[in-house]
Amino acid sequence: MLENIINFMRKRYIGVDLLNGKVRAFEKKENTFIDEYIGQIFPNIFNPINNESYWYDINAIEQLLNYVLSNAKKSLFRPGLVIAIPFEISDIKNKVSIVEEASKFKWSNIYILSNFMCAAIGSGIQIEECRRKIFIYSLNDLTYFGLVFAGNIFNVKILKRGYNELTQGDIINNIGNLTDDASKELPEQFTNIKLSKKDLEEVTIGWKLEIERTIYLSIPTNLKNVFGLNIGKYQLVYLEYENCIIEGLKNAISKLNTMKIRKG
């Protein structure tokens, strides 16, 4: 009885993944309580030709988030929402629209993470290290390339080609563009915030180091032997794929009090 009362009153966060035409939701310290295809729940808002179009439909997002909240366990306090969104929805207007619609359902707090950042966190790459790493995350229709450094992702490139079409040439060309565009100066994300002298020195030195000659690749398990162990001068390291978004959200929720997550 006492445990039930504590659970009813405790602060709760719900992680939501609406990517790839599915609804997946979980609560902190609990298993996933929704894992369903959007088309099965709301066939009227799912477009099989462009299954990510619902991200631009406020009514669709409203229905999906309402469905999540209505299936969550009841509690005395409003739960917080941590949601993964497509990286390409980069303009503030779209992000704010999602937040505004989510707010109608009285979430206590709302945190937004890109799918690329979630994948990096959940795949197992050491994102907080002060050494630039090449990270690739491939979906069925898109592939993301970026430099992971000190808890952030920089110089992101998006290739409109998924894991079934991705070639070694694609990887080599996009990594070339990635490294060529990398600034020699420390990004403003670090210069515009207050860091201790020690931390600023650490990130400054780390950014000037040569980009690590390892490609961290997150692709479906059955494709891990396609590219071998090396591409050019780079060694390939295969990372977790199937649950990397959910694992990234879980990690973010567990660090809400210590990890700075971009809001809004």
Protein backbone atom coordinates (compact mmCIF):
# COMPACT_ATOMS: atom_id res chain seq x y z
CA MET A 1 0.00 0.00 0.00
CA LEU A 2 2.73 2.49 1.01
CA GLU A 3 4.70 1.73 -2.17
CA ASN A 4 1.61 2.42 -4.28
CA ILE A 5 1.09 5.77 -2.54
CA ILE A 6 4.74 6.75 -3.09
CA ASN A 7 4.55 5.80 -6.77
CA PHE A 8 1.35 7.83 -7.12
CA MET A 9 3.00 10.94 -5.68
CA ARG A 10 6.54 10.74 -7.08
CA LYS A 11 7.92 12.93 -9.85
CA ARG A 12 7.54 11.16 -13.18
CA TYR A 13 8.98 11.54 -16.66
CA ILE A 14 7.61 9.91 -19.79
CA GLY A 15 9.95 9.31 -22.70
CA VAL A 16 8.29 9.36 -26.12
CA ASP A 17 9.65 8.19 -29.48
CA LEU A 18 7.33 8.94 -32.42
CA LEU A 19 9.92 8.18 -35.08
CA ASN A 20 9.69 5.73 -37.98
CA GLY A 21 5.92 5.56 -37.94
CA LYS A 22 5.68 4.13 -34.41
CA VAL A 23 4.60 5.27 -30.97
CA ARG A 24 6.90 4.10 -28.21
CA ALA A 25 6.57 5.42 -24.69
CA PHE A 26 8.04 4.48 -21.34
CA GLU A 27 8.23 5.76 -17.80
CA LYS A 28 11.36 6.26 -15.73
CA LYS A 29 12.52 2.98 -14.19
CA GLU A 30 9.76 1.08 -16.00
CA ASN A 31 9.44 -0.83 -19.24
CA THR A 32 7.86 0.50 -22.42
CA PHE A 33 4.08 0.76 -22.01
CA ILE A 34 3.30 1.65 -25.63
CA ASP A 35 4.98 0.11 -28.67
CA GLU A 36 2.58 0.35 -31.60
CA TYR A 37 2.51 1.48 -35.22
CA ILE A 38 0.84 4.84 -35.72
CA GLY A 39 -1.14 3.50 -38.65
CA GLN A 40 -2.79 0.94 -36.39
CA ILE A 41 -3.78 3.52 -33.80
CA PHE A 42 -4.68 6.47 -36.02
CA PRO A 43 -4.86 5.38 -39.67
CA ASN A 44 -6.25 8.82 -40.55
CA ILE A 45 -2.98 10.60 -39.69
CA PHE A 46 -0.50 8.10 -41.08
CA ASN A 47 0.76 8.62 -44.63
CA PRO A 48 2.46 5.44 -45.92
CA ILE A 49 4.22 7.42 -48.65
CA ASN A 50 5.75 9.91 -46.23
CA ASN A 51 5.52 8.35 -42.80
CA GLU A 52 7.24 11.31 -41.13
CA SER A 53 4.74 13.92 -42.41
CA TYR A 54 2.82 13.85 -39.13
CA TRP A 55 5.62 15.90 -37.56
CA TYR A 56 4.33 18.90 -39.52
CA ASP A 57 0.68 18.28 -38.59
CA ILE A 58 -0.20 19.86 -35.25
CA ASN A 59 -3.44 17.90 -34.98
CA ALA A 60 -1.60 14.64 -35.52
CA ILE A 61 0.98 15.40 -32.82
CA GLU A 62 -1.84 16.45 -30.50
CA GLN A 63 -3.62 13.12 -30.98
CA LEU A 64 -0.44 11.09 -30.53
CA LEU A 65 0.66 12.81 -27.33
CA ASN A 66 -2.87 12.61 -25.93
CA TYR A 67 -2.83 8.88 -26.64
CA VAL A 68 0.44 8.52 -24.73
CA LEU A 69 -0.80 10.43 -21.71
CA SER A 70 -4.13 8.59 -21.62
CA ASN A 71 -2.28 5.27 -21.45
CA ALA A 72 0.18 6.32 -18.75
CA LYS A 73 -0.26 5.40 -15.12
CA LYS A 74 -2.18 7.92 -13.07
CA SER A 75 -0.32 10.11 -10.60
CA LEU A 76 -0.95 13.02 -8.26
CA PHE A 77 1.50 15.20 -10.19
CA ARG A 78 1.70 15.95 -13.88
CA PRO A 79 4.45 13.94 -15.63
CA GLY A 80 7.32 15.52 -17.52
CA LEU A 81 7.76 14.78 -21.23
CA VAL A 82 11.06 13.95 -22.93
CA ILE A 83 10.51 13.58 -26.65
CA ALA A 84 12.76 12.70 -29.59
CA ILE A 85 12.12 14.57 -32.85
CA PRO A 86 13.70 14.33 -36.32
CA PHE A 87 16.94 16.31 -36.53
CA GLU A 88 15.80 17.94 -39.77
CA ILE A 89 12.98 19.73 -37.94
CA SER A 90 15.53 22.34 -37.04
CA ASP A 91 13.59 25.59 -37.14
CA ILE A 92 12.34 26.94 -33.83
CA LYS A 93 8.78 27.39 -35.11
CA ASN A 94 8.21 23.68 -35.59
CA LYS A 95 9.72 22.84 -32.21
CA VAL A 96 7.60 25.43 -30.44
CA SER A 97 4.47 24.16 -32.19
CA ILE A 98 5.08 20.66 -30.89
CA VAL A 99 5.70 21.99 -27.38
CA GLU A 100 2.55 24.13 -27.47
CA GLU A 101 0.40 21.20 -28.49
CA ALA A 102 2.01 18.96 -25.89
CA SER A 103 1.35 21.59 -23.24
CA LYS A 104 -2.38 21.25 -23.79
CA PHE A 105 -2.15 17.96 -22.00
CA LYS A 106 -0.59 19.58 -18.94
CA TRP A 107 2.88 18.08 -18.89
CA SER A 108 4.89 19.51 -16.02
CA ASN A 109 8.03 20.02 -18.16
CA ILE A 110 8.85 19.36 -21.80
CA TYR A 111 12.30 18.53 -23.12
CA ILE A 112 13.15 18.07 -26.78
CA LEU A 113 16.06 16.03 -28.15
CA SER A 114 16.89 15.31 -31.77
CA ASN A 115 16.82 11.70 -32.93
CA PHE A 116 20.50 12.02 -33.90
CA MET A 117 21.50 13.09 -30.39
CA CYS A 118 19.34 10.36 -28.83
CA ALA A 119 20.92 7.78 -31.11
CA ALA A 120 24.42 8.94 -30.17
CA ILE A 121 23.65 8.77 -26.45
CA GLY A 122 21.84 5.44 -26.68
CA SER A 123 24.21 3.70 -29.06
CA GLY A 124 27.07 3.63 -26.55
CA ILE A 125 29.50 6.15 -28.03
CA GLN A 126 31.33 8.21 -25.40
CA ILE A 127 29.75 11.53 -26.35
CA GLU A 128 31.17 13.50 -23.41
CA GLU A 129 34.82 12.94 -24.29
CA CYS A 130 36.80 15.98 -25.50
CA ARG A 131 37.95 14.34 -28.72
CA ARG A 132 36.05 14.68 -31.99
CA LYS A 133 34.50 11.41 -33.13
CA ILE A 134 32.70 10.59 -36.37
CA PHE A 135 29.22 9.21 -35.75
CA ILE A 136 26.88 7.84 -38.42
CA TYR A 137 23.25 6.91 -37.79
CA SER A 138 21.34 5.39 -40.70
CA LEU A 139 17.55 5.05 -41.03
CA ASN A 140 15.54 3.38 -43.78
CA ASP A 141 15.47 6.57 -45.85
CA LEU A 142 18.08 8.93 -44.35
CA THR A 143 21.62 8.76 -43.01
CA TYR A 144 23.07 11.29 -40.54
CA PHE A 145 26.77 12.14 -40.27
CA GLY A 146 28.20 14.26 -37.47
CA LEU A 147 31.12 15.01 -35.16
CA VAL A 148 30.48 14.07 -31.54
CA PHE A 149 32.38 16.17 -29.03
CA ALA A 150 31.94 17.06 -25.34
CA GLY A 151 28.25 16.18 -25.18
CA ASN A 152 27.27 17.84 -28.48
CA ILE A 153 27.06 17.00 -32.18
CA PHE A 154 28.56 19.33 -34.79
CA ASN A 155 28.70 19.75 -38.58
CA VAL A 156 25.74 17.45 -39.18
CA LYS A 157 25.23 16.24 -42.75
CA ILE A 158 22.12 14.42 -43.96
CA LEU A 159 22.20 12.02 -46.89
CA LYS A 160 18.82 11.14 -48.42
CA ARG A 161 19.73 7.50 -48.64
CA GLY A 162 18.99 4.82 -46.08
CA TYR A 163 20.95 1.85 -44.77
CA ASN A 164 19.87 -0.49 -47.59
CA GLU A 165 21.37 1.86 -50.21
CA LEU A 166 24.32 3.25 -48.26
CA THR A 167 27.72 2.56 -49.88
CA GLN A 168 31.34 2.93 -48.85
CA GLY A 169 31.57 5.76 -51.34
CA ASP A 170 28.73 7.58 -49.59
CA ILE A 171 30.51 7.24 -46.28
CA ILE A 172 33.88 8.40 -47.60
CA ASN A 173 32.39 11.40 -49.45
CA ASN A 174 30.27 12.59 -46.54
CA ILE A 175 33.06 12.16 -44.01
CA GLY A 176 35.25 14.21 -46.32
CA ASN A 177 32.65 16.98 -46.36
CA LEU A 178 32.25 16.66 -42.61
CA THR A 179 35.93 17.04 -41.82
CA ASP A 180 36.51 19.75 -44.43
CA ASP A 181 33.74 21.89 -42.93
CA ALA A 182 34.89 21.42 -39.36
CA SER A 183 35.89 24.78 -37.89
CA LYS A 184 39.39 25.18 -36.53
CA GLU A 185 38.00 27.48 -33.85
CA LEU A 186 36.17 26.26 -30.77
CA PRO A 187 32.39 26.35 -31.46
CA GLU A 188 30.37 29.14 -29.88
CA GLN A 189 28.40 26.58 -27.87
CA PHE A 190 31.43 26.57 -25.56
CA THR A 191 32.55 30.18 -25.81
CA ASN A 192 29.05 31.56 -25.10
CA ILE A 193 28.62 29.75 -21.79
CA LYS A 194 30.41 30.18 -18.50
CA LEU A 195 33.05 27.49 -18.13
CA SER A 196 35.74 27.18 -15.54
CA LYS A 197 39.25 27.95 -16.75
CA LYS A 198 40.12 24.26 -16.48
CA ASP A 199 37.09 23.10 -18.48
CA LEU A 200 37.60 25.75 -21.16
CA GLU A 201 41.23 24.73 -21.54
CA GLU A 202 40.21 21.07 -21.80
CA VAL A 203 37.64 21.60 -24.58
CA THR A 204 39.93 24.03 -26.43
CA ILE A 205 42.81 21.54 -26.48
CA GLY A 206 40.46 18.66 -27.32
CA TRP A 207 38.91 20.48 -30.28
CA LYS A 208 42.33 21.09 -31.80
CA LEU A 209 43.27 17.41 -31.68
CA GLU A 210 43.07 15.39 -34.88
CA ILE A 211 39.65 13.90 -35.47
CA GLU A 212 39.66 10.33 -34.23
CA ARG A 213 40.33 7.87 -37.05
CA THR A 214 37.38 5.71 -36.12
CA ILE A 215 33.90 5.70 -37.61
CA TYR A 216 31.19 4.89 -35.09
CA LEU A 217 28.38 3.41 -37.15
CA SER A 218 24.84 2.68 -35.96
CA ILE A 219 22.98 0.51 -38.48
CA PRO A 220 20.68 -2.53 -38.24
CA THR A 221 22.35 -5.64 -36.85
CA ASN A 222 21.89 -7.67 -40.04
CA LEU A 223 23.95 -5.12 -42.01
CA LYS A 224 27.00 -5.03 -39.77
CA ASN A 225 29.09 -7.19 -42.09
CA VAL A 226 28.38 -5.11 -45.20
CA PHE A 227 31.18 -2.58 -44.71
CA GLY A 228 33.78 -4.74 -42.97
CA LEU A 229 36.14 -3.41 -40.33
CA ASN A 230 37.83 -0.58 -42.22
CA ILE A 231 36.98 2.10 -44.75
CA GLY A 232 40.05 3.88 -46.08
CA LYS A 233 42.12 5.13 -43.15
CA TYR A 234 39.22 4.71 -40.73
CA GLN A 235 38.45 1.78 -38.46
CA LEU A 236 34.76 0.88 -38.18
CA VAL A 237 33.10 0.35 -34.81
CA TYR A 238 29.51 -0.90 -34.90
CA LEU A 239 27.18 0.39 -32.20
CA GLU A 240 23.76 -0.44 -30.75
CA TYR A 241 20.97 0.35 -33.21
CA GLU A 242 17.59 -1.24 -32.53
CA ASN A 243 16.93 0.47 -29.18
CA CYS A 244 19.32 3.41 -29.35
CA ILE A 245 16.59 6.09 -29.39
CA ILE A 246 14.81 4.64 -26.36
CA GLU A 247 18.12 4.13 -24.53
CA GLY A 248 19.10 7.71 -25.34
CA LEU A 249 15.83 9.01 -23.91
CA LYS A 250 16.25 6.89 -20.78
CA ASN A 251 19.75 8.24 -20.30
CA ALA A 252 18.53 11.81 -20.73
CA ILE A 253 15.75 11.31 -18.19
CA SER A 254 18.16 9.85 -15.65
CA LYS A 255 20.39 12.90 -15.99
CA LEU A 256 17.75 15.62 -16.07
CA ASN A 257 19.12 17.20 -12.92
CA THR A 258 22.76 17.19 -14.06
CA MET A 259 22.70 17.21 -17.86
CA LYS A 260 21.77 20.37 -19.73
CA ILE A 261 19.12 19.47 -22.31
CA ARG A 262 18.04 22.02 -24.86
CA LYS A 263 14.47 23.08 -24.16
CA GLY A 264 12.07 24.57 -26.68
